[in-house]
Amino acid sequence: MLSVIIPVYNVEKYLSRCVDSVLNQTYKDFELILVDDGSLDNSPVICDGYKKKDSRVKVMHKENGGLSSARNAGLEICKGDYIFFIDSDDWLTDEKVLEEFISKAETENADFVYSFMNTATDKIQKEIRMSQRFKDNDKLFFLSNPYLFSACNKLYKNTLLQFLQFVPGRVNEDVDVIPLVFCSANKVSRLDKHTYNYYQNQESITRQSFSEKRFDMFKSVAHVYKNFIGTKKEKTVFYENLFGFQIFSVYISILKNTSGNKRKTYLVDFCKLLKENNFGCFWKYSFLCFLHNESFSKCYKKIIAWIYLKLFYILHQKEFKI
């Protein structure tokens, strides 16, 4: 049996689309766990309605604790041989997704199966571009593509349950957990298909600003950097991803969403965190990441931004006490 876990919080507008995409699957041997994380809208009523209509649906109502807390609560009561996460505003691309995941796991005796995502709005779905640098190696392919680090759209065997514990309150909870689950798996397999629509709310994107919570990424990266287990090649590819995408994206967010003294303050904080976490390797791995994974035009822009940060780091050393 498969356990599908969906954390729910204030998503009355999107919840039915998500739940229906699961209940309409050709694969039927699953339990669907809806974890209502203290929703203030009509989401709890919608959850209870699905429970009344379909015996496979289980509903848990709890006080608000955030996404990680809701996922952990679902894991505590799940009974499946496999586990699959979906966020409540996202949905599966077609009715055969779960069947294909299960078939892949059973055919290849895999305990960790991943596939690809689309970004989606209310009007359009677009495939997320993947680096093809390691297209013939399922493990290196995963490590070289940062968009695959989401907890969603993956099939986990329940033997990995001990590693599937998310840190409550942390913004980057997936980066903190999924790479370590990955390196704990005995067999990793790839399903070569876009199976998941990751919803991007246009209003939220328009109102986007920089939050200090983004600095949580340093805690997540420090944790997985210290604990990741793999071959020398796997570590190198993974570290390029960690620093060239996960950490560098925090810096890019500062540039895009701040200005003036506020930008300077955040950049000083960024550089201070590089120093405090002993991330001297950031400079090498981020540069290699650009060279290996970006087109010339994108690589050129990122290297310019990289040089700007390096100069800022050198010129403001006294402000973060190096």
Protein backbone atom coordinates (compact mmCIF):
# COMPACT_ATOMS: atom_id res chain seq x y z
CA MET A 1 0.00 0.00 0.00
CA LEU A 2 1.02 3.60 -0.66
CA SER A 3 0.58 6.52 1.76
CA VAL A 4 -0.01 9.88 0.05
CA ILE A 5 0.46 12.80 2.48
CA ILE A 6 -0.95 16.26 1.73
CA PRO A 7 -0.40 19.10 4.25
CA VAL A 8 -3.32 21.53 4.06
CA TYR A 9 -3.38 25.21 5.07
CA ASN A 10 -5.79 27.83 3.75
CA VAL A 11 -6.05 26.39 0.23
CA GLU A 12 -9.81 26.19 -0.28
CA LYS A 13 -9.40 27.52 -3.83
CA TYR A 14 -6.95 24.79 -4.92
CA LEU A 15 -7.51 21.80 -2.63
CA SER A 16 -10.06 19.92 -4.75
CA ARG A 17 -7.82 20.07 -7.81
CA CYS A 18 -5.02 18.49 -5.79
CA VAL A 19 -7.09 15.81 -4.04
CA ASP A 20 -9.00 14.84 -7.20
CA SER A 21 -5.72 14.30 -9.05
CA VAL A 22 -4.91 11.63 -6.44
CA LEU A 23 -8.32 9.99 -6.11
CA ASN A 24 -8.61 9.67 -9.91
CA GLN A 25 -5.39 7.61 -10.20
CA THR A 26 -5.50 4.21 -11.90
CA TYR A 27 -3.48 2.85 -8.98
CA LYS A 28 -6.02 2.33 -6.19
CA ASP A 29 -4.14 0.75 -3.28
CA PHE A 30 -3.37 3.86 -1.27
CA GLU A 31 -4.39 5.87 1.77
CA LEU A 32 -4.68 9.62 1.34
CA ILE A 33 -3.76 11.53 4.49
CA LEU A 34 -4.97 15.14 4.59
CA VAL A 35 -3.28 17.04 7.44
CA ASP A 36 -5.25 20.21 8.16
CA ASP A 37 -2.66 22.48 9.76
CA GLY A 38 -5.09 24.82 11.54
CA SER A 39 -6.62 26.30 8.39
CA LEU A 40 -8.75 29.42 8.86
CA ASP A 41 -10.73 29.12 5.62
CA ASN A 42 -13.05 26.39 4.32
CA SER A 43 -10.25 23.84 3.85
CA PRO A 44 -11.15 21.71 6.94
CA VAL A 45 -14.74 21.31 5.67
CA ILE A 46 -13.47 20.27 2.23
CA CYS A 47 -11.14 17.70 3.84
CA ASP A 48 -13.98 16.21 5.91
CA GLY A 49 -16.17 16.08 2.83
CA TYR A 50 -13.62 13.91 1.00
CA LYS A 51 -13.36 11.63 4.04
CA LYS A 52 -17.11 11.01 3.92
CA LYS A 53 -17.05 10.25 0.19
CA ASP A 54 -13.98 7.96 0.00
CA SER A 55 -12.85 5.43 2.61
CA ARG A 56 -9.22 5.81 1.50
CA VAL A 57 -9.14 9.38 2.81
CA LYS A 58 -7.95 10.06 6.36
CA VAL A 59 -8.14 13.54 7.89
CA MET A 60 -6.10 14.95 10.76
CA HIS A 61 -6.94 18.37 12.22
CA LYS A 62 -4.15 20.02 14.23
CA GLU A 63 -2.99 23.41 15.47
CA ASN A 64 -0.96 25.42 13.01
CA GLY A 65 2.69 24.42 13.09
CA GLY A 66 3.87 24.94 9.54
CA LEU A 67 4.60 22.69 6.58
CA SER A 68 7.28 20.60 8.29
CA SER A 69 5.06 19.99 11.32
CA ALA A 70 2.17 18.89 9.10
CA ARG A 71 4.35 16.50 7.10
CA ASN A 72 5.75 14.98 10.28
CA ALA A 73 2.23 14.53 11.64
CA GLY A 74 1.23 12.65 8.50
CA LEU A 75 4.30 10.43 8.76
CA GLU A 76 3.36 9.49 12.33
CA ILE A 77 0.10 7.85 11.25
CA CYS A 78 0.92 6.55 7.76
CA LYS A 79 0.80 2.78 7.20
CA GLY A 80 1.97 2.39 3.62
CA ASP A 81 4.91 0.43 2.27
CA TYR A 82 5.72 3.57 0.25
CA ILE A 83 5.29 7.30 0.95
CA PHE A 84 4.52 10.14 -1.47
CA PHE A 85 4.18 13.88 -0.64
CA ILE A 86 2.07 16.44 -2.51
CA ASP A 87 1.63 20.09 -1.57
CA SER A 88 -2.02 21.10 -1.46
CA ASP A 89 -1.92 23.72 -4.22
CA ASP A 90 -0.09 21.38 -6.63
CA TRP A 91 -1.45 18.41 -8.59
CA LEU A 92 -0.40 15.30 -10.52
CA THR A 93 -0.16 15.60 -14.29
CA ASP A 94 -2.23 12.52 -15.23
CA GLU A 95 -4.07 9.52 -13.80
CA LYS A 96 -1.19 7.02 -14.23
CA VAL A 97 1.46 8.81 -12.16
CA LEU A 98 1.24 6.71 -8.99
CA GLU A 99 0.98 3.47 -10.97
CA GLU A 100 4.18 4.32 -12.83
CA PHE A 101 6.04 5.25 -9.65
CA ILE A 102 5.07 1.98 -7.96
CA SER A 103 5.94 -0.04 -11.06
CA LYS A 104 9.36 1.62 -11.26
CA ALA A 105 10.09 0.92 -7.60
CA GLU A 106 9.01 -2.71 -7.77
CA THR A 107 10.64 -3.48 -11.12
CA GLU A 108 14.01 -2.02 -10.13
CA ASN A 109 13.77 -2.79 -6.39
CA ALA A 110 14.27 0.92 -5.68
CA ASP A 111 13.58 2.58 -2.34
CA PHE A 112 13.87 6.14 -3.73
CA VAL A 113 12.23 7.06 -7.06
CA TYR A 114 12.12 10.58 -8.48
CA SER A 115 10.77 12.21 -11.63
CA PHE A 116 10.36 15.71 -13.07
CA MET A 117 8.12 18.71 -12.40
CA ASN A 118 6.34 21.41 -14.35
CA THR A 119 5.89 24.95 -13.14
CA ALA A 120 2.23 25.85 -13.48
CA THR A 121 -0.09 28.83 -13.27
CA ASP A 122 -3.85 28.85 -13.70
CA LYS A 123 -3.37 29.08 -17.47
CA ILE A 124 -0.12 27.38 -18.46
CA GLN A 125 2.22 24.51 -17.53
CA LYS A 126 5.91 24.62 -18.39
CA GLU A 127 8.51 21.89 -17.98
CA ILE A 128 11.33 22.73 -15.58
CA ARG A 129 14.58 22.51 -17.52
CA MET A 130 16.96 19.86 -16.27
CA SER A 131 20.73 19.71 -16.70
CA GLN A 132 21.56 16.74 -18.94
CA ARG A 133 25.17 16.58 -17.79
CA PHE A 134 24.67 13.18 -16.15
CA LYS A 135 21.64 11.90 -18.03
CA ASP A 136 22.89 8.29 -17.97
CA ASN A 137 23.46 8.16 -14.20
CA ASP A 138 20.33 8.38 -11.99
CA LYS A 139 22.23 9.39 -8.86
CA LEU A 140 24.47 12.05 -10.40
CA PHE A 141 21.54 13.38 -12.43
CA PHE A 142 19.62 13.94 -9.20
CA LEU A 143 22.56 15.62 -7.45
CA SER A 144 23.23 17.97 -10.37
CA ASN A 145 19.63 19.27 -10.57
CA PRO A 146 18.63 21.46 -7.60
CA TYR A 147 14.93 21.49 -8.52
CA LEU A 148 14.82 17.80 -7.62
CA PHE A 149 15.47 18.46 -3.93
CA SER A 150 11.77 18.98 -3.18
CA ALA A 151 10.20 16.43 -0.83
CA CYS A 152 7.24 16.21 -3.23
CA ASN A 153 6.99 14.09 -6.37
CA LYS A 154 9.11 11.25 -5.01
CA LEU A 155 8.37 7.72 -3.90
CA TYR A 156 10.07 6.66 -0.67
CA LYS A 157 10.08 3.15 0.72
CA ASN A 158 8.98 3.16 4.36
CA THR A 159 12.41 1.81 5.37
CA LEU A 160 13.60 5.41 4.84
CA LEU A 161 11.01 6.73 7.29
CA GLN A 162 13.60 7.32 10.02
CA PHE A 163 15.33 9.87 7.77
CA LEU A 164 12.10 11.62 6.70
CA GLN A 165 11.80 14.05 9.60
CA PHE A 166 11.45 17.73 8.77
CA VAL A 167 12.70 20.64 10.90
CA PRO A 168 9.68 22.71 12.08
CA GLY A 169 9.78 26.41 11.28
CA ARG A 170 12.59 26.23 8.75
CA VAL A 171 11.97 27.76 5.32
CA ASN A 172 14.26 25.39 3.42
CA GLU A 173 13.06 22.18 5.06
CA ASP A 174 13.45 20.08 1.89
CA VAL A 175 17.13 20.92 1.37
CA ASP A 176 17.70 20.00 5.02
CA VAL A 177 16.28 16.51 4.59
CA ILE A 178 15.94 15.11 1.06
CA PRO A 179 19.67 14.86 0.12
CA LEU A 180 20.29 12.83 3.28
CA VAL A 181 17.32 10.57 2.54
CA PHE A 182 18.74 10.17 -0.96
CA CYS A 183 22.20 9.08 0.24
CA SER A 184 20.59 6.66 2.71
CA ALA A 185 18.72 4.83 -0.06
CA ASN A 186 20.04 1.48 -1.27
CA LYS A 187 18.73 1.96 -4.80
CA VAL A 188 17.80 5.25 -6.55
CA SER A 189 15.76 5.21 -9.77
CA ARG A 190 14.52 7.89 -12.15
CA LEU A 191 11.13 7.97 -13.84
CA ASP A 192 11.70 9.90 -17.07
CA LYS A 193 8.46 11.82 -17.08
CA HIS A 194 7.00 15.13 -15.86
CA THR A 195 4.51 13.90 -13.29
CA TYR A 196 3.88 16.90 -11.04
CA ASN A 197 2.54 20.44 -11.53
CA TYR A 198 4.18 22.89 -9.12
CA TYR A 199 1.77 25.80 -8.79
CA GLN A 200 3.13 29.33 -8.83
CA ASN A 201 0.67 31.96 -7.67
CA GLN A 202 1.24 35.02 -9.84
CA GLU A 203 0.09 37.42 -7.10
CA SER A 204 2.63 35.99 -4.65
CA ILE A 205 5.40 36.25 -7.24
CA THR A 206 4.52 39.89 -7.93
CA ARG A 207 4.63 40.76 -4.21
CA GLN A 208 7.89 38.90 -3.67
CA SER A 209 10.41 40.53 -1.30
CA PHE A 210 13.48 39.41 0.60
CA SER A 211 12.96 37.92 4.04
CA GLU A 212 15.66 37.22 6.61
CA LYS A 213 14.17 33.71 6.84
CA ARG A 214 15.97 33.05 3.55
CA PHE A 215 19.17 32.90 5.62
CA ASP A 216 17.85 29.60 7.02
CA MET A 217 19.39 28.14 3.87
CA PHE A 218 22.81 28.43 5.55
CA LYS A 219 21.63 26.17 8.40
CA SER A 220 20.25 23.63 5.94
CA VAL A 221 23.36 23.64 3.75
CA ALA A 222 25.67 23.39 6.76
CA HIS A 223 23.70 20.37 7.98
CA VAL A 224 23.74 18.42 4.71
CA TYR A 225 27.30 19.50 3.86
CA LYS A 226 28.46 17.91 7.10
CA ASN A 227 26.37 14.74 6.89
CA PHE A 228 26.17 13.87 3.18
CA ILE A 229 27.65 10.46 2.36
CA GLY A 230 28.73 9.54 -1.17
CA THR A 231 31.59 8.92 -3.55
CA LYS A 232 34.09 11.69 -4.28
CA LYS A 233 32.34 12.40 -7.59
CA GLU A 234 28.89 12.50 -5.95
CA LYS A 235 30.13 14.90 -3.28
CA THR A 236 31.70 17.22 -5.84
CA VAL A 237 28.54 17.38 -7.95
CA PHE A 238 26.38 17.82 -4.85
CA TYR A 239 28.54 20.62 -3.42
CA GLU A 240 28.41 22.49 -6.72
CA ASN A 241 24.63 22.36 -6.46
CA LEU A 242 24.57 23.34 -2.77
CA PHE A 243 26.73 26.42 -3.15
CA GLY A 244 26.17 27.38 -6.78
CA PHE A 245 22.39 27.19 -6.54
CA GLN A 246 21.06 26.94 -2.98
CA ILE A 247 23.37 29.49 -1.33
CA PHE A 248 23.90 31.65 -4.42
CA SER A 249 20.13 31.96 -4.89
CA VAL A 250 19.92 33.69 -1.49
CA TYR A 251 22.44 36.25 -2.72
CA ILE A 252 20.55 36.74 -6.01
CA SER A 253 17.32 37.26 -4.05
CA ILE A 254 19.03 40.06 -2.10
CA LEU A 255 20.12 41.75 -5.35
CA LYS A 256 16.67 41.45 -6.93
CA ASN A 257 14.51 42.46 -3.99
CA THR A 258 16.49 45.05 -2.00
CA SER A 259 18.34 48.31 -2.60
CA GLY A 260 20.38 50.99 -0.84
CA ASN A 261 21.39 50.53 2.79
CA LYS A 262 19.10 47.55 3.24
CA ARG A 263 20.88 45.70 0.43
CA LYS A 264 24.26 46.50 1.95
CA THR A 265 23.12 45.26 5.38
CA TYR A 266 21.85 41.97 3.95
CA LEU A 267 25.01 41.46 1.88
CA VAL A 268 27.14 42.00 4.98
CA ASP A 269 24.98 39.43 6.79
CA PHE A 270 25.39 37.03 3.85
CA CYS A 271 29.18 37.36 3.90
CA LYS A 272 29.24 36.98 7.67
CA LEU A 273 27.33 33.71 7.38
CA LEU A 274 29.80 32.45 4.77
CA LYS A 275 32.58 33.10 7.28
CA GLU A 276 30.76 31.73 10.35
CA ASN A 277 29.93 28.47 8.56
CA ASN A 278 33.45 28.05 7.16
CA PHE A 279 32.08 28.10 3.63
CA GLY A 280 35.36 29.09 1.97
CA CYS A 281 34.58 26.41 -0.62
CA PHE A 282 31.57 28.50 -1.73
CA TRP A 283 33.69 30.44 -4.20
CA LYS A 284 35.08 27.39 -6.00
CA TYR A 285 31.95 25.27 -6.10
CA SER A 286 29.60 28.08 -7.12
CA PHE A 287 31.91 29.05 -10.00
CA LEU A 288 32.12 25.42 -11.18
CA CYS A 289 28.34 25.14 -10.97
CA PHE A 290 27.90 28.03 -13.40
CA LEU A 291 30.40 26.60 -15.87
CA HIS A 292 28.91 23.10 -15.83
CA ASN A 293 25.20 23.81 -15.81
CA GLU A 294 24.40 27.15 -17.42
CA SER A 295 24.14 28.43 -20.98
CA PHE A 296 26.76 31.03 -21.96
CA SER A 297 24.41 34.00 -21.46
CA LYS A 298 23.27 32.88 -17.99
CA CYS A 299 26.78 31.79 -17.01
CA TYR A 300 28.15 35.21 -18.00
CA LYS A 301 25.57 37.06 -15.87
CA LYS A 302 26.15 34.84 -12.85
CA ILE A 303 29.92 35.21 -13.07
CA ILE A 304 29.49 39.01 -13.13
CA ALA A 305 27.31 38.74 -9.99
CA TRP A 306 29.89 36.36 -8.46
CA ILE A 307 32.70 38.90 -9.07
CA TYR A 308 30.60 41.69 -7.53
CA LEU A 309 30.04 39.57 -4.39
CA LYS A 310 33.73 38.66 -4.17
CA LEU A 311 34.72 42.33 -4.34
CA PHE A 312 32.07 43.24 -1.76
CA TYR A 313 33.42 40.47 0.50
CA ILE A 314 36.98 41.82 0.24
CA LEU A 315 36.05 45.49 0.66
CA HIS A 316 33.79 45.00 3.70
CA GLN A 317 35.85 42.51 5.69
CA LYS A 318 35.98 44.72 8.79
CA GLU A 319 32.18 44.80 8.99
CA PHE A 320 31.92 41.04 9.54
CA LYS A 321 35.16 40.74 11.52
CA ILE A 322 37.24 38.46 9.33
